[in-house]
Amino acid sequence: MVEFEDDISIILGGAAGQGIQTVEEILTRVLKLSGYNIYANKEYMSRVRGGINTTEIRVSSDRARTFVRKIDILIPFKRGVLPWVEGRISRNTVVLGERENVEEEFLGKVNFIEVPFTKMAREVGNTLYLNTIAAGIVVGLFYGEVEILKDYLTKRFASKGQNVVEKNVEAALKGYEFGKNLCEEGIIGISVAKKEEVKDEILLSGAEAVALGALAGGMNFLSFYPMSPSTGVAVFLAQHAEDFDIIVEQVEDEISAINMALGAWFAGARGMVTTSGGGFALMTEAISLAGMAENPVVIHLAQRPGPATGLPTRTMQSDLNLALYAGHGEFPRIIFAPGTIEDAFYLTQMAFNLADKYQVPVIILTDEYLMDSYYNLPDVDLEKIRVEKHIIKTPKDYKRYELTENGVSPRGIPGYGKGIVLANGNEHDEYGDITEDEELNALMQEKRNKKLEAIKREAIPPELIGSEDYKYLVIGWGSTYYAIKEALERLERDDVAFLHFKQVYPLSEKSKEYFERAEVLIDVELNVTAQFAQLLKKEFGISVDYTVLKYNGRPFSVEELVEKLSAILEGRE
């Protein structure tokens, strides 16, 4: 018997178009509703058909929220899957599949259990039901609740007619019995605790969290041009545009997208654009316009490997410098980098309030890994949500760019009050009229950049995880949060702590005290040049002692970080 306890990694592998996502969807929903903690993430090639795509699903007693290298159960739907994930296979890996999909050289390296998927699907009536059978097998291995499985499939396929519903239920139950029998016959042993409270939790992806956070922030206008991995945000909002009475506009290019969002804010709406690195590069002139016109805007920038087209469906943290320095001239901005799905929701919501308050661009910097990850979590805390608007009714002698102590001028919108509201991309006086007066030009430069000091006072301090009495301090930002956190939990060392930044610009002044207490600083990033370490050097004069970098388009696995951090901590690096 092959036995698994507490935390099981299941990999589904096949070609684009084979229905891997359907199996993933059924499994994650049904197992969560049965009381199991779920985490899932997909890796896929940039193609519509063919290639090899895989999905990892972790089913665990306690919450598991990040990618692991190990494969406990592998279900290949075509040949080529095992060679593709060879580096993740161990002697303990169970492969459930048809013999034709398992290469000869792997038969002695894994625990192969032949499953006649095609034969079983034909018995139901069509090979199309193969995926539902596979989902049923895995649910059966975990003794998932049969009524939940049947109910979910009934709702999932209701639009296709009663016959399709009945056939899918039949296929799932056929698979369920097969999976359950593997356990009852002592071939596979699975022990994962169910939690009753998990049944009522929500399953949320990073893309959905950004979209919902935008809605919670009062967003009522989204403009975008499709670009992976940011498009999921736009798709979700388009699907629910009528529900929330918002406008979602797919435009001809990214230049149009950001200029429409600027226009929306100027008119009194709350606008956002969602894009990736290449699209953001096209937006930089308009970002500079936002800086000069002091026009709020929120930009969701989902990173992927570059340069140029790069790897459209992979992940990286290589656009930090792009976000930091985009746009000619000098003007303040705010950059958030959510580390969790919860962060993605709350920080996006906060972005709209801060853009409105300080009249600056606010960038939400995510990546493909966070966008495509999802897990179960308690519902969001609506008590934390406040939509704060900073629009005044303009007086007759309104000065759009009035010189103030903190650099923030009262913002009016056209038609609300008696004043004339100007927006100007040229240097201007307090009313917004073009000027080349040298003294006034200098005052306006100082006015715009003075806002940064006020923004800094509101900057979110980093989160310290682990011992307060540390010698080694691991530094991370954005989506590496859970990978580093779980790696440190496995290391079980009292002299190591983790400092995570969810706001990467401007940095909180409170950050410095954490660095001063450490003897050794270890920077972990998904890029080639340690961009965040560069920022720490620039802002605080701090140099890290070690860097752990990865830049092949894949996320860090927990095991990989354990190995790399252990080498440093034990003096082998």
Protein backbone atom coordinates (compact mmCIF):
# COMPACT_ATOMS: atom_id res chain seq x y z
CA MET A 1 0.00 0.00 0.00
CA VAL A 2 1.12 3.54 -0.80
CA GLU A 3 0.04 5.87 2.00
CA PHE A 4 -0.39 9.64 2.08
CA GLU A 5 -1.17 11.78 5.11
CA ASP A 6 -2.31 15.35 5.81
CA ASP A 7 -1.04 17.07 2.65
CA ILE A 8 -1.46 15.48 -0.78
CA SER A 9 -0.32 16.95 -4.09
CA ILE A 10 -2.36 15.83 -7.11
CA ILE A 11 -1.21 16.67 -10.64
CA LEU A 12 -3.45 16.52 -13.69
CA GLY A 13 -1.56 16.64 -16.98
CA GLY A 14 -2.61 16.75 -20.61
CA ALA A 15 -2.86 18.82 -23.76
CA ALA A 16 -4.58 22.16 -24.11
CA GLY A 17 -8.16 21.39 -25.12
CA GLN A 18 -8.33 18.05 -23.27
CA GLY A 19 -10.51 19.42 -20.49
CA ILE A 20 -7.95 19.55 -17.67
CA GLN A 21 -9.59 22.70 -16.30
CA THR A 22 -12.96 20.94 -16.13
CA VAL A 23 -11.50 18.17 -13.97
CA GLU A 24 -9.75 20.77 -11.80
CA GLU A 25 -12.96 22.73 -11.37
CA ILE A 26 -15.01 19.69 -10.36
CA LEU A 27 -12.36 18.41 -7.94
CA THR A 28 -11.62 21.66 -6.16
CA ARG A 29 -15.28 22.62 -5.71
CA VAL A 30 -16.52 19.20 -4.61
CA LEU A 31 -13.62 18.49 -2.24
CA LYS A 32 -13.91 21.95 -0.68
CA LEU A 33 -17.66 21.50 -0.20
CA SER A 34 -16.84 18.12 1.38
CA GLY A 35 -14.70 19.92 4.00
CA TYR A 36 -11.15 19.68 2.62
CA ASN A 37 -8.68 22.56 2.45
CA ILE A 38 -7.81 23.20 -1.19
CA TYR A 39 -5.04 25.01 -3.03
CA ALA A 40 -4.67 24.94 -6.82
CA ASN A 41 -2.42 26.44 -9.45
CA LYS A 42 -1.95 25.73 -13.14
CA GLU A 43 1.01 25.91 -15.50
CA TYR A 44 0.22 26.01 -19.17
CA MET A 45 1.85 26.61 -22.51
CA SER A 46 1.02 29.59 -24.69
CA ARG A 47 -1.13 27.70 -27.17
CA VAL A 48 -4.80 26.93 -27.75
CA ARG A 49 -4.37 23.23 -28.58
CA GLY A 50 -1.69 20.64 -27.92
CA GLY A 51 1.43 20.94 -25.79
CA ILE A 52 1.36 19.90 -22.15
CA ASN A 53 -0.46 21.71 -19.38
CA THR A 54 -0.61 20.67 -15.75
CA THR A 55 -2.65 21.62 -12.72
CA GLU A 56 -1.52 21.08 -9.13
CA ILE A 57 -4.18 20.57 -6.48
CA ARG A 58 -3.12 20.31 -2.83
CA VAL A 59 -5.65 18.69 -0.50
CA SER A 60 -4.65 19.16 3.12
CA SER A 61 -5.70 18.87 6.74
CA ASP A 62 -4.38 22.36 7.50
CA ARG A 63 -4.39 25.29 5.10
CA ALA A 64 -1.90 24.85 2.24
CA ARG A 65 -1.52 27.89 0.03
CA THR A 66 1.53 27.54 -2.17
CA PHE A 67 3.20 25.43 -4.83
CA VAL A 68 5.16 22.30 -3.92
CA ARG A 69 7.48 20.27 -6.11
CA LYS A 70 6.40 16.83 -4.92
CA ILE A 71 3.81 14.81 -6.79
CA ASP A 72 1.85 12.26 -4.78
CA ILE A 73 -0.80 11.36 -7.36
CA LEU A 74 -0.33 11.98 -11.09
CA ILE A 75 -3.06 11.56 -13.69
CA PRO A 76 -1.67 11.82 -17.26
CA PHE A 77 -4.20 12.25 -20.05
CA LYS A 78 -1.59 11.90 -22.82
CA ARG A 79 1.95 10.68 -23.46
CA GLY A 80 4.65 13.18 -22.63
CA VAL A 81 3.28 14.25 -19.26
CA LEU A 82 5.66 12.10 -17.22
CA PRO A 83 8.82 13.33 -19.00
CA TRP A 84 7.52 16.90 -18.58
CA VAL A 85 7.28 16.55 -14.77
CA GLU A 86 10.11 14.03 -14.36
CA GLY A 87 12.01 16.20 -11.88
CA ARG A 88 9.03 16.16 -9.53
CA ILE A 89 8.36 12.41 -9.55
CA SER A 90 9.54 10.16 -6.71
CA ARG A 91 9.38 6.46 -5.87
CA ASN A 92 6.29 7.25 -3.82
CA THR A 93 4.39 8.85 -6.71
CA VAL A 94 1.22 7.04 -7.75
CA VAL A 95 0.33 7.30 -11.44
CA LEU A 96 -3.31 6.67 -12.29
CA GLY A 97 -3.80 6.33 -16.02
CA GLU A 98 -3.96 4.29 -19.16
CA ARG A 99 -0.89 2.28 -20.08
CA GLU A 100 -0.54 4.03 -23.44
CA ASN A 101 0.02 7.35 -21.63
CA VAL A 102 2.93 6.09 -19.51
CA GLU A 103 6.36 5.81 -21.14
CA GLU A 104 8.20 2.51 -20.67
CA GLU A 105 11.12 4.04 -18.78
CA PHE A 106 8.85 5.27 -15.98
CA LEU A 107 7.16 1.98 -15.14
CA GLY A 108 9.87 1.03 -12.66
CA LYS A 109 10.17 4.51 -11.18
CA VAL A 110 6.58 5.06 -10.02
CA ASN A 111 3.63 3.17 -8.58
CA PHE A 112 1.59 2.70 -11.73
CA ILE A 113 -2.08 1.78 -11.40
CA GLU A 114 -3.76 1.19 -14.72
CA VAL A 115 -7.13 2.90 -15.06
CA PRO A 116 -9.18 2.05 -18.19
CA PHE A 117 -10.50 5.59 -18.63
CA THR A 118 -11.49 5.17 -22.27
CA LYS A 119 -13.25 1.84 -21.70
CA MET A 120 -15.16 3.23 -18.71
CA ALA A 121 -16.17 6.35 -20.66
CA ARG A 122 -17.46 4.24 -23.56
CA GLU A 123 -19.53 2.21 -21.13
CA VAL A 124 -21.19 5.46 -20.09
CA GLY A 125 -21.77 6.32 -23.73
CA ASN A 126 -18.97 8.57 -25.00
CA THR A 127 -15.24 9.16 -24.48
CA LEU A 128 -16.16 12.77 -23.68
CA TYR A 129 -17.01 11.56 -20.16
CA LEU A 130 -13.42 10.48 -19.49
CA ASN A 131 -12.66 13.71 -17.59
CA THR A 132 -15.69 13.36 -15.34
CA ILE A 133 -14.65 9.77 -14.56
CA ALA A 134 -11.18 11.03 -13.57
CA ALA A 135 -12.72 13.63 -11.28
CA GLY A 136 -14.94 10.97 -9.73
CA ILE A 137 -11.94 8.71 -9.04
CA VAL A 138 -10.11 11.39 -7.07
CA VAL A 139 -13.24 12.35 -5.12
CA GLY A 140 -13.66 8.64 -4.33
CA LEU A 141 -10.08 8.38 -3.03
CA PHE A 142 -10.96 11.06 -0.47
CA TYR A 143 -14.41 9.67 0.29
CA GLY A 144 -15.90 12.98 -0.79
CA GLU A 145 -19.61 13.43 -0.26
CA VAL A 146 -21.52 11.76 -3.09
CA GLU A 147 -24.57 14.01 -2.88
CA ILE A 148 -22.37 17.08 -3.18
CA LEU A 149 -20.71 15.56 -6.26
CA LYS A 150 -24.07 14.81 -7.88
CA ASP A 151 -25.51 18.21 -7.00
CA TYR A 152 -22.47 20.06 -8.34
CA LEU A 153 -22.52 18.17 -11.65
CA THR A 154 -26.25 18.76 -12.01
CA LYS A 155 -25.74 22.52 -11.71
CA ARG A 156 -22.53 22.53 -13.76
CA PHE A 157 -24.08 20.82 -16.80
CA ALA A 158 -27.71 21.96 -16.44
CA SER A 159 -27.51 24.21 -19.51
CA LYS A 160 -26.57 21.21 -21.69
CA GLY A 161 -29.78 19.29 -21.03
CA GLN A 162 -30.97 16.50 -18.76
CA ASN A 163 -29.31 13.69 -20.72
CA VAL A 164 -25.85 15.28 -20.42
CA VAL A 165 -26.42 15.86 -16.70
CA GLU A 166 -27.40 12.22 -16.14
CA LYS A 167 -24.46 10.88 -18.14
CA ASN A 168 -21.97 13.05 -16.25
CA VAL A 169 -23.41 11.94 -12.92
CA GLU A 170 -23.20 8.31 -14.08
CA ALA A 171 -19.57 8.83 -15.18
CA ALA A 172 -18.61 10.50 -11.91
CA LEU A 173 -20.19 7.75 -9.80
CA LYS A 174 -18.42 5.11 -11.89
CA GLY A 175 -15.12 6.85 -11.20
CA TYR A 176 -16.02 7.36 -7.54
CA GLU A 177 -16.49 3.62 -6.99
CA PHE A 178 -13.17 2.89 -8.71
CA GLY A 179 -11.32 5.37 -6.49
CA LYS A 180 -13.03 4.21 -3.30
CA ASN A 181 -12.19 0.59 -4.14
CA LEU A 182 -8.49 1.46 -4.47
CA CYS A 183 -8.59 2.53 -0.82
CA GLU A 184 -10.79 -0.32 0.41
CA GLU A 185 -8.58 -2.91 -1.29
CA GLY A 186 -5.49 -1.48 0.42
CA ILE A 187 -3.80 -0.26 -2.76
CA ILE A 188 -3.78 3.42 -1.75
CA GLY A 189 -4.17 4.85 1.75
CA ILE A 190 -5.22 8.48 2.22
CA SER A 191 -5.59 10.24 5.56
CA VAL A 192 -6.58 13.90 5.39
CA ALA A 193 -8.77 15.57 8.00
CA LYS A 194 -11.97 17.31 6.99
CA LYS A 195 -12.93 20.62 8.60
CA GLU A 196 -16.61 21.47 8.90
CA GLU A 197 -15.97 25.23 8.69
CA VAL A 198 -14.22 24.83 5.32
CA LYS A 199 -17.52 23.88 3.68
CA ASP A 200 -18.83 27.43 4.11
CA GLU A 201 -15.65 29.17 2.96
CA ILE A 202 -15.18 30.65 -0.50
CA LEU A 203 -12.80 29.57 -3.26
CA LEU A 204 -11.17 32.64 -4.74
CA SER A 205 -8.44 33.18 -7.34
CA GLY A 206 -5.99 36.05 -7.46
CA ALA A 207 -7.67 37.46 -10.58
CA GLU A 208 -11.10 37.33 -8.94
CA ALA A 209 -9.72 38.97 -5.79
CA VAL A 210 -8.31 41.93 -7.74
CA ALA A 211 -11.62 42.32 -9.60
CA LEU A 212 -13.71 42.14 -6.42
CA GLY A 213 -11.32 44.49 -4.63
CA ALA A 214 -11.78 47.02 -7.43
CA LEU A 215 -15.56 46.79 -7.07
CA ALA A 216 -15.24 47.21 -3.30
CA GLY A 217 -13.12 50.30 -3.99
CA GLY A 218 -15.94 51.90 -5.94
CA MET A 219 -14.58 51.17 -9.42
CA ASN A 220 -17.26 51.79 -12.02
CA PHE A 221 -15.16 51.94 -15.20
CA LEU A 222 -12.63 49.43 -16.54
CA SER A 223 -10.80 49.81 -19.84
CA PHE A 224 -8.40 47.17 -21.11
CA TYR A 225 -6.76 45.46 -24.04
CA PRO A 226 -6.43 41.68 -23.50
CA MET A 227 -2.98 40.56 -22.34
CA SER A 228 -2.09 37.49 -20.31
CA PRO A 229 -2.00 37.11 -17.37
CA SER A 230 -4.10 40.19 -16.59
CA THR A 231 -7.13 39.34 -18.72
CA GLY A 232 -8.84 37.23 -16.05
CA VAL A 233 -9.62 40.42 -14.12
CA ALA A 234 -11.33 41.97 -17.14
CA VAL A 235 -13.23 38.78 -17.98
CA PHE A 236 -14.62 38.49 -14.44
CA LEU A 237 -15.70 42.14 -14.40
CA ALA A 238 -17.25 41.90 -17.87
CA GLN A 239 -19.25 38.86 -16.77
CA HIS A 240 -20.62 40.82 -13.82
CA ALA A 241 -20.84 44.30 -15.35
CA GLU A 242 -24.65 44.36 -15.29
CA ASP A 243 -24.77 42.97 -11.74
CA PHE A 244 -22.68 45.88 -10.44
CA ASP A 245 -23.79 48.55 -12.93
CA ILE A 246 -20.28 49.23 -14.21
CA ILE A 247 -18.78 49.89 -17.64
CA VAL A 248 -16.19 47.43 -18.99
CA GLU A 249 -14.65 48.51 -22.27
CA GLN A 250 -12.30 46.42 -24.42
CA VAL A 251 -10.48 48.98 -26.55
CA GLU A 252 -8.17 48.94 -29.56
CA ASP A 253 -4.89 49.21 -27.63
CA GLU A 254 -3.34 49.95 -24.25
CA ILE A 255 -2.80 53.64 -25.04
CA SER A 256 -6.53 54.07 -25.48
CA ALA A 257 -7.21 52.03 -22.35
CA ILE A 258 -5.26 54.23 -19.96
CA ASN A 259 -6.38 57.50 -21.54
CA MET A 260 -10.00 56.41 -21.18
CA ALA A 261 -9.36 55.59 -17.51
CA LEU A 262 -7.81 59.05 -17.00
CA GLY A 263 -10.87 60.60 -18.62
CA ALA A 264 -13.16 58.59 -16.37
CA TRP A 265 -11.44 59.91 -13.24
CA PHE A 266 -11.48 63.48 -14.61
CA ALA A 267 -15.25 63.19 -15.05
CA GLY A 268 -15.77 61.88 -11.51
CA ALA A 269 -15.81 58.10 -12.05
CA ARG A 270 -13.32 55.63 -10.59
CA GLY A 271 -11.42 53.93 -13.39
CA MET A 272 -8.89 51.11 -13.65
CA VAL A 273 -6.85 49.46 -16.38
CA THR A 274 -5.60 45.89 -16.25
CA THR A 275 -2.55 44.90 -18.29
CA SER A 276 0.80 43.13 -18.35
CA GLY A 277 4.36 44.38 -18.93
CA GLY A 278 4.18 44.96 -22.68
CA GLY A 279 0.88 46.80 -22.38
CA PHE A 280 2.12 48.83 -19.43
CA ALA A 281 5.14 49.92 -21.50
CA LEU A 282 2.72 51.49 -24.00
CA MET A 283 0.97 53.31 -21.16
CA THR A 284 3.99 55.13 -19.79
CA GLU A 285 3.38 58.45 -21.58
CA ALA A 286 -0.14 58.57 -20.16
CA ILE A 287 1.19 57.70 -16.70
CA SER A 288 3.38 60.79 -16.99
CA LEU A 289 0.29 62.75 -18.03
CA ALA A 290 -1.42 61.54 -14.84
CA GLY A 291 1.59 62.82 -12.90
CA MET A 292 1.49 66.29 -14.47
CA ALA A 293 -2.30 66.66 -14.50
CA GLU A 294 -2.48 65.19 -10.97
CA ASN A 295 -5.18 62.90 -12.25
CA PRO A 296 -5.88 59.75 -10.20
CA VAL A 297 -5.68 56.37 -11.92
CA VAL A 298 -5.42 52.74 -10.77
CA ILE A 299 -3.38 50.30 -12.85
CA HIS A 300 -3.29 46.55 -12.38
CA LEU A 301 0.01 45.25 -13.76
CA ALA A 302 0.21 41.44 -13.84
CA GLN A 303 3.82 40.45 -14.47
CA ARG A 304 5.09 37.78 -16.83
CA PRO A 305 8.62 37.06 -18.12
CA GLY A 306 9.99 39.48 -20.70
CA PRO A 307 11.54 41.17 -22.55
CA ALA A 308 9.08 41.63 -25.44
CA THR A 309 6.48 38.86 -25.69
CA GLY A 310 8.62 36.66 -23.46
CA LEU A 311 6.64 33.83 -21.88
CA PRO A 312 3.00 34.98 -21.87
CA THR A 313 1.70 32.22 -19.58
CA ARG A 314 4.56 32.04 -17.07
CA THR A 315 5.47 34.04 -13.98
CA MET A 316 8.21 36.43 -12.88
CA GLN A 317 8.79 39.51 -10.69
CA SER A 318 10.74 41.41 -13.32
CA ASP A 319 8.60 44.54 -13.76
CA LEU A 320 9.28 46.24 -10.43
CA ASN A 321 11.73 48.68 -12.01
CA LEU A 322 9.29 49.30 -14.85
CA ALA A 323 6.58 50.24 -12.34
CA LEU A 324 8.99 52.35 -10.27
CA TYR A 325 10.36 54.46 -13.10
CA ALA A 326 7.67 54.46 -15.81
CA GLY A 327 6.86 57.89 -17.18
CA HIS A 328 9.15 60.81 -17.96
CA GLY A 329 9.67 63.53 -15.40
CA GLU A 330 9.44 63.29 -11.62
CA PHE A 331 6.17 62.63 -9.82
CA PRO A 332 5.02 60.38 -6.97
CA ARG A 333 3.23 57.06 -7.26
CA ILE A 334 2.15 54.21 -5.00
CA ILE A 335 2.95 50.56 -5.74
CA PHE A 336 1.32 47.62 -3.98
CA ALA A 337 2.49 44.01 -4.41
CA PRO A 338 -0.07 41.60 -2.91
CA GLY A 339 1.42 38.51 -1.30
CA THR A 340 -1.84 36.64 -0.82
CA ILE A 341 -5.28 36.45 -2.39
CA GLU A 342 -6.62 38.35 0.62
CA ASP A 343 -4.02 41.07 -0.01
CA ALA A 344 -5.11 41.25 -3.65
CA PHE A 345 -8.63 42.11 -2.52
CA TYR A 346 -7.87 44.58 0.27
CA LEU A 347 -4.97 46.37 -1.44
CA THR A 348 -6.91 46.85 -4.67
CA GLN A 349 -9.79 48.31 -2.67
CA MET A 350 -7.37 50.63 -0.87
CA ALA A 351 -5.74 51.68 -4.15
CA PHE A 352 -8.84 53.63 -5.22
CA ASN A 353 -9.03 55.60 -1.98
CA LEU A 354 -5.34 56.53 -2.15
CA ALA A 355 -5.44 57.44 -5.84
CA ASP A 356 -8.36 59.74 -5.08
CA LYS A 357 -6.79 61.21 -1.93
CA TYR A 358 -3.34 61.99 -3.36
CA GLN A 359 -4.24 62.35 -7.06
CA VAL A 360 -1.46 59.99 -8.18
CA PRO A 361 -1.17 56.72 -10.14
CA VAL A 362 -1.52 53.65 -7.92
CA ILE A 363 -0.12 50.42 -9.36
CA ILE A 364 -1.16 46.96 -8.16
CA LEU A 365 1.77 44.72 -9.08
CA THR A 366 0.80 41.05 -9.29
CA ASP A 367 2.07 38.18 -11.46
CA GLU A 368 0.82 35.13 -13.34
CA TYR A 369 1.37 32.86 -10.34
CA LEU A 370 -0.89 34.90 -8.05
CA MET A 371 -3.46 35.50 -10.79
CA ASP A 372 -3.89 31.77 -11.49
CA SER A 373 -3.68 30.49 -7.90
CA TYR A 374 -6.72 29.94 -5.74
CA TYR A 375 -7.60 28.48 -2.37
CA ASN A 376 -10.39 28.43 0.19
CA LEU A 377 -10.62 31.27 2.67
CA PRO A 378 -13.17 32.80 5.03
CA ASP A 379 -15.33 35.46 3.42
CA VAL A 380 -13.85 38.96 3.25
CA ASP A 381 -14.39 41.33 6.18
CA LEU A 382 -16.70 44.03 4.85
CA GLU A 383 -16.19 46.04 8.05
CA LYS A 384 -12.73 46.91 6.73
CA ILE A 385 -14.14 48.41 3.53
CA ARG A 386 -14.53 52.17 3.22
CA VAL A 387 -15.01 54.05 -0.05
CA GLU A 388 -13.42 57.43 0.62
CA LYS A 389 -14.05 60.11 -1.99
CA HIS A 390 -12.13 63.38 -2.12
CA ILE A 391 -14.10 65.53 -4.56
CA ILE A 392 -15.19 69.06 -3.69
CA LYS A 393 -17.96 71.28 -5.02
CA THR A 394 -15.98 73.94 -6.83
CA PRO A 395 -16.29 77.64 -5.93
CA LYS A 396 -16.44 80.29 -8.66
CA ASP A 397 -12.75 81.18 -8.31
CA TYR A 398 -11.64 77.51 -8.21
CA LYS A 399 -7.92 76.77 -8.50
CA ARG A 400 -7.41 73.20 -9.69
CA TYR A 401 -3.70 73.25 -8.81
CA GLU A 402 -3.79 75.41 -5.72
CA LEU A 403 -0.47 75.47 -3.88
CA THR A 404 -0.99 73.78 -0.51
CA GLU A 405 1.18 72.77 2.42
CA ASN A 406 1.14 69.03 1.62
CA GLY A 407 1.00 69.40 -2.18
CA VAL A 408 -2.54 68.03 -2.54
CA SER A 409 -4.95 70.49 -4.18
CA PRO A 410 -8.73 70.28 -3.71
CA ARG A 411 -10.03 68.23 -6.66
CA GLY A 412 -13.19 69.23 -8.44
CA ILE A 413 -14.90 67.69 -11.45
CA PRO A 414 -16.64 69.40 -14.37
CA GLY A 415 -20.25 70.35 -13.67
CA TYR A 416 -20.11 70.03 -9.89
CA GLY A 417 -20.00 73.58 -8.56
CA LYS A 418 -19.45 76.97 -10.16
CA GLY A 419 -15.74 76.68 -10.93
CA ILE A 420 -13.98 75.87 -14.19
CA VAL A 421 -12.00 72.62 -13.95
CA LEU A 422 -8.91 72.41 -16.15
CA ALA A 423 -6.58 69.47 -16.70
CA ASN A 424 -3.27 70.23 -18.32
CA GLY A 425 -0.34 68.14 -19.52
CA ASN A 426 1.76 71.29 -19.90
CA GLU A 427 3.26 73.07 -16.93
CA HIS A 428 0.59 75.34 -15.51
CA ASP A 429 -0.36 77.87 -12.89
CA GLU A 430 -2.76 77.27 -10.01
CA TYR A 431 -5.81 77.58 -12.27
CA GLY A 432 -4.41 75.12 -14.81
CA ASP A 433 -3.43 77.62 -17.51
CA ILE A 434 -0.10 77.10 -19.29
CA THR A 435 2.79 79.10 -17.87
CA GLU A 436 6.54 79.32 -18.33
CA ASP A 437 7.12 81.51 -15.29
CA GLU A 438 10.37 80.16 -13.82
CA GLU A 439 9.43 80.67 -10.17
CA LEU A 440 6.00 79.12 -10.63
CA ASN A 441 7.47 76.23 -12.62
CA ALA A 442 9.73 75.37 -9.69
CA LEU A 443 6.89 75.69 -7.19
CA MET A 444 4.72 73.30 -9.19
CA GLN A 445 7.53 70.72 -9.42
CA GLU A 446 7.95 70.93 -5.65
CA LYS A 447 4.19 70.81 -5.07
CA ARG A 448 3.73 67.55 -6.98
CA ASN A 449 6.66 65.80 -5.37
CA LYS A 450 5.84 67.09 -1.88
CA LYS A 451 2.94 64.62 -1.82
CA LEU A 452 5.41 61.76 -1.50
CA GLU A 453 6.18 62.68 2.11
CA ALA A 454 2.51 62.47 3.08
CA ILE A 455 2.15 59.18 1.18
CA LYS A 456 5.18 57.77 3.03
CA ARG A 457 3.54 58.45 6.38
CA GLU A 458 0.66 56.19 5.30
CA ALA A 459 2.88 53.49 3.79
CA ILE A 460 2.07 49.95 4.93
CA PRO A 461 4.93 48.59 7.06
CA PRO A 462 6.33 45.15 6.19
CA GLU A 463 5.08 42.06 8.01
CA LEU A 464 7.50 40.09 10.18
CA ILE A 465 6.88 36.34 10.29
CA GLY A 466 8.80 34.18 12.74
CA SER A 467 11.07 34.86 15.68
CA GLU A 468 11.58 38.43 16.92
CA ASP A 469 15.06 37.39 18.06
CA TYR A 470 16.50 36.61 14.64
CA LYS A 471 20.00 36.52 13.24
CA TYR A 472 19.02 35.80 9.64
CA LEU A 473 16.33 37.89 7.96
CA VAL A 474 14.78 36.61 4.72
CA ILE A 475 13.31 39.41 2.59
CA GLY A 476 10.51 38.90 0.09
CA TRP A 477 7.79 40.85 -1.70
CA GLY A 478 4.65 40.07 -3.63
CA SER A 479 3.58 36.53 -4.44
CA THR A 480 6.53 34.70 -2.82
CA TYR A 481 4.82 35.17 0.56
CA TYR A 482 3.49 31.67 1.21
CA ALA A 483 6.40 29.82 -0.41
CA ILE A 484 8.90 31.55 1.90
CA LYS A 485 6.60 31.26 4.93
CA GLU A 486 6.10 27.50 4.50
CA ALA A 487 9.81 26.96 3.79
CA LEU A 488 10.73 28.65 7.09
CA GLU A 489 8.13 26.59 8.94
CA ARG A 490 9.79 23.44 7.60
CA LEU A 491 13.26 24.68 8.58
CA GLU A 492 12.13 25.10 12.23
CA ARG A 493 14.88 27.54 13.18
CA ASP A 494 14.50 30.16 15.91
CA ASP A 495 17.24 32.37 14.47
CA VAL A 496 15.50 33.00 11.12
CA ALA A 497 12.61 35.37 10.37
CA PHE A 498 10.85 36.53 7.22
CA LEU A 499 10.08 40.16 6.34
CA HIS A 500 7.42 40.53 3.64
CA PHE A 501 6.62 43.73 1.76
CA LYS A 502 3.14 44.21 0.31
CA GLN A 503 3.82 47.87 -0.40
CA VAL A 504 7.01 48.27 -2.40
CA TYR A 505 6.85 52.02 -2.99
CA PRO A 506 7.17 54.23 -1.15
CA LEU A 507 8.69 52.03 1.54
CA SER A 508 7.68 52.50 5.14
CA GLU A 509 10.37 54.14 7.26
CA LYS A 510 9.62 51.50 9.90
CA SER A 511 11.34 48.95 7.64
CA LYS A 512 14.80 50.13 8.66
CA GLU A 513 14.54 48.90 12.24
CA TYR A 514 14.06 45.30 11.04
CA PHE A 515 17.20 45.45 8.91
CA GLU A 516 19.27 46.96 11.71
CA ARG A 517 18.47 44.01 14.01
CA ALA A 518 19.66 41.39 11.51
CA GLU A 519 23.19 40.07 11.12
CA VAL A 520 22.54 38.46 7.73
CA LEU A 521 20.07 39.61 5.05
CA ILE A 522 18.80 37.13 2.43
CA ASP A 523 16.80 38.49 -0.51
CA VAL A 524 14.39 36.16 -2.37
CA GLU A 525 13.01 37.27 -5.76
CA LEU A 526 11.74 35.94 -9.07
CA ASN A 527 14.02 37.98 -11.34
CA VAL A 528 17.60 38.09 -12.60
CA THR A 529 18.90 41.31 -11.06
CA ALA A 530 17.41 41.37 -7.53
CA GLN A 531 15.34 44.47 -8.28
CA PHE A 532 13.91 44.81 -4.78
CA ALA A 533 17.38 44.52 -3.25
CA GLN A 534 18.40 47.37 -5.57
CA LEU A 535 15.50 49.43 -4.24
CA LEU A 536 16.52 48.78 -0.62
CA LYS A 537 20.03 49.95 -1.46
CA LYS A 538 18.70 53.12 -3.09
CA GLU A 539 16.16 53.98 -0.39
CA PHE A 540 17.95 52.90 2.80
CA GLY A 541 21.57 52.27 1.81
CA ILE A 542 21.13 48.62 2.79
CA SER A 543 23.03 45.83 1.04
CA VAL A 544 21.83 42.24 1.26
CA ASP A 545 24.32 39.47 2.01
CA TYR A 546 22.75 36.75 -0.15
CA THR A 547 20.26 36.57 -2.99
CA VAL A 548 18.05 33.62 -3.90
CA LEU A 549 16.86 34.30 -7.44
CA LYS A 550 14.81 32.35 -9.96
CA TYR A 551 13.95 33.47 -13.48
CA ASN A 552 12.85 30.52 -15.63
CA GLY A 553 9.18 31.49 -15.59
CA ARG A 554 8.24 29.07 -12.81
CA PRO A 555 7.40 29.91 -9.18
CA PHE A 556 9.51 28.89 -6.23
CA SER A 557 8.52 25.55 -4.75
CA VAL A 558 8.64 25.16 -0.98
CA GLU A 559 11.21 22.36 -1.28
CA GLU A 560 13.45 24.47 -3.52
CA LEU A 561 13.50 27.32 -1.00
CA VAL A 562 14.20 24.93 1.86
CA GLU A 563 17.24 23.63 -0.03
CA LYS A 564 18.57 27.05 -1.02
CA LEU A 565 18.01 28.66 2.39
CA SER A 566 19.50 25.64 4.17
CA ALA A 567 22.66 25.97 2.09
CA ILE A 568 23.03 29.60 3.21
CA LEU A 569 22.18 28.96 6.86
CA GLU A 570 24.58 26.01 7.06
CA GLY A 571 27.42 27.86 5.36
CA ARG A 572 27.33 25.78 2.17
CA GLU A 573 26.54 28.74 -0.09
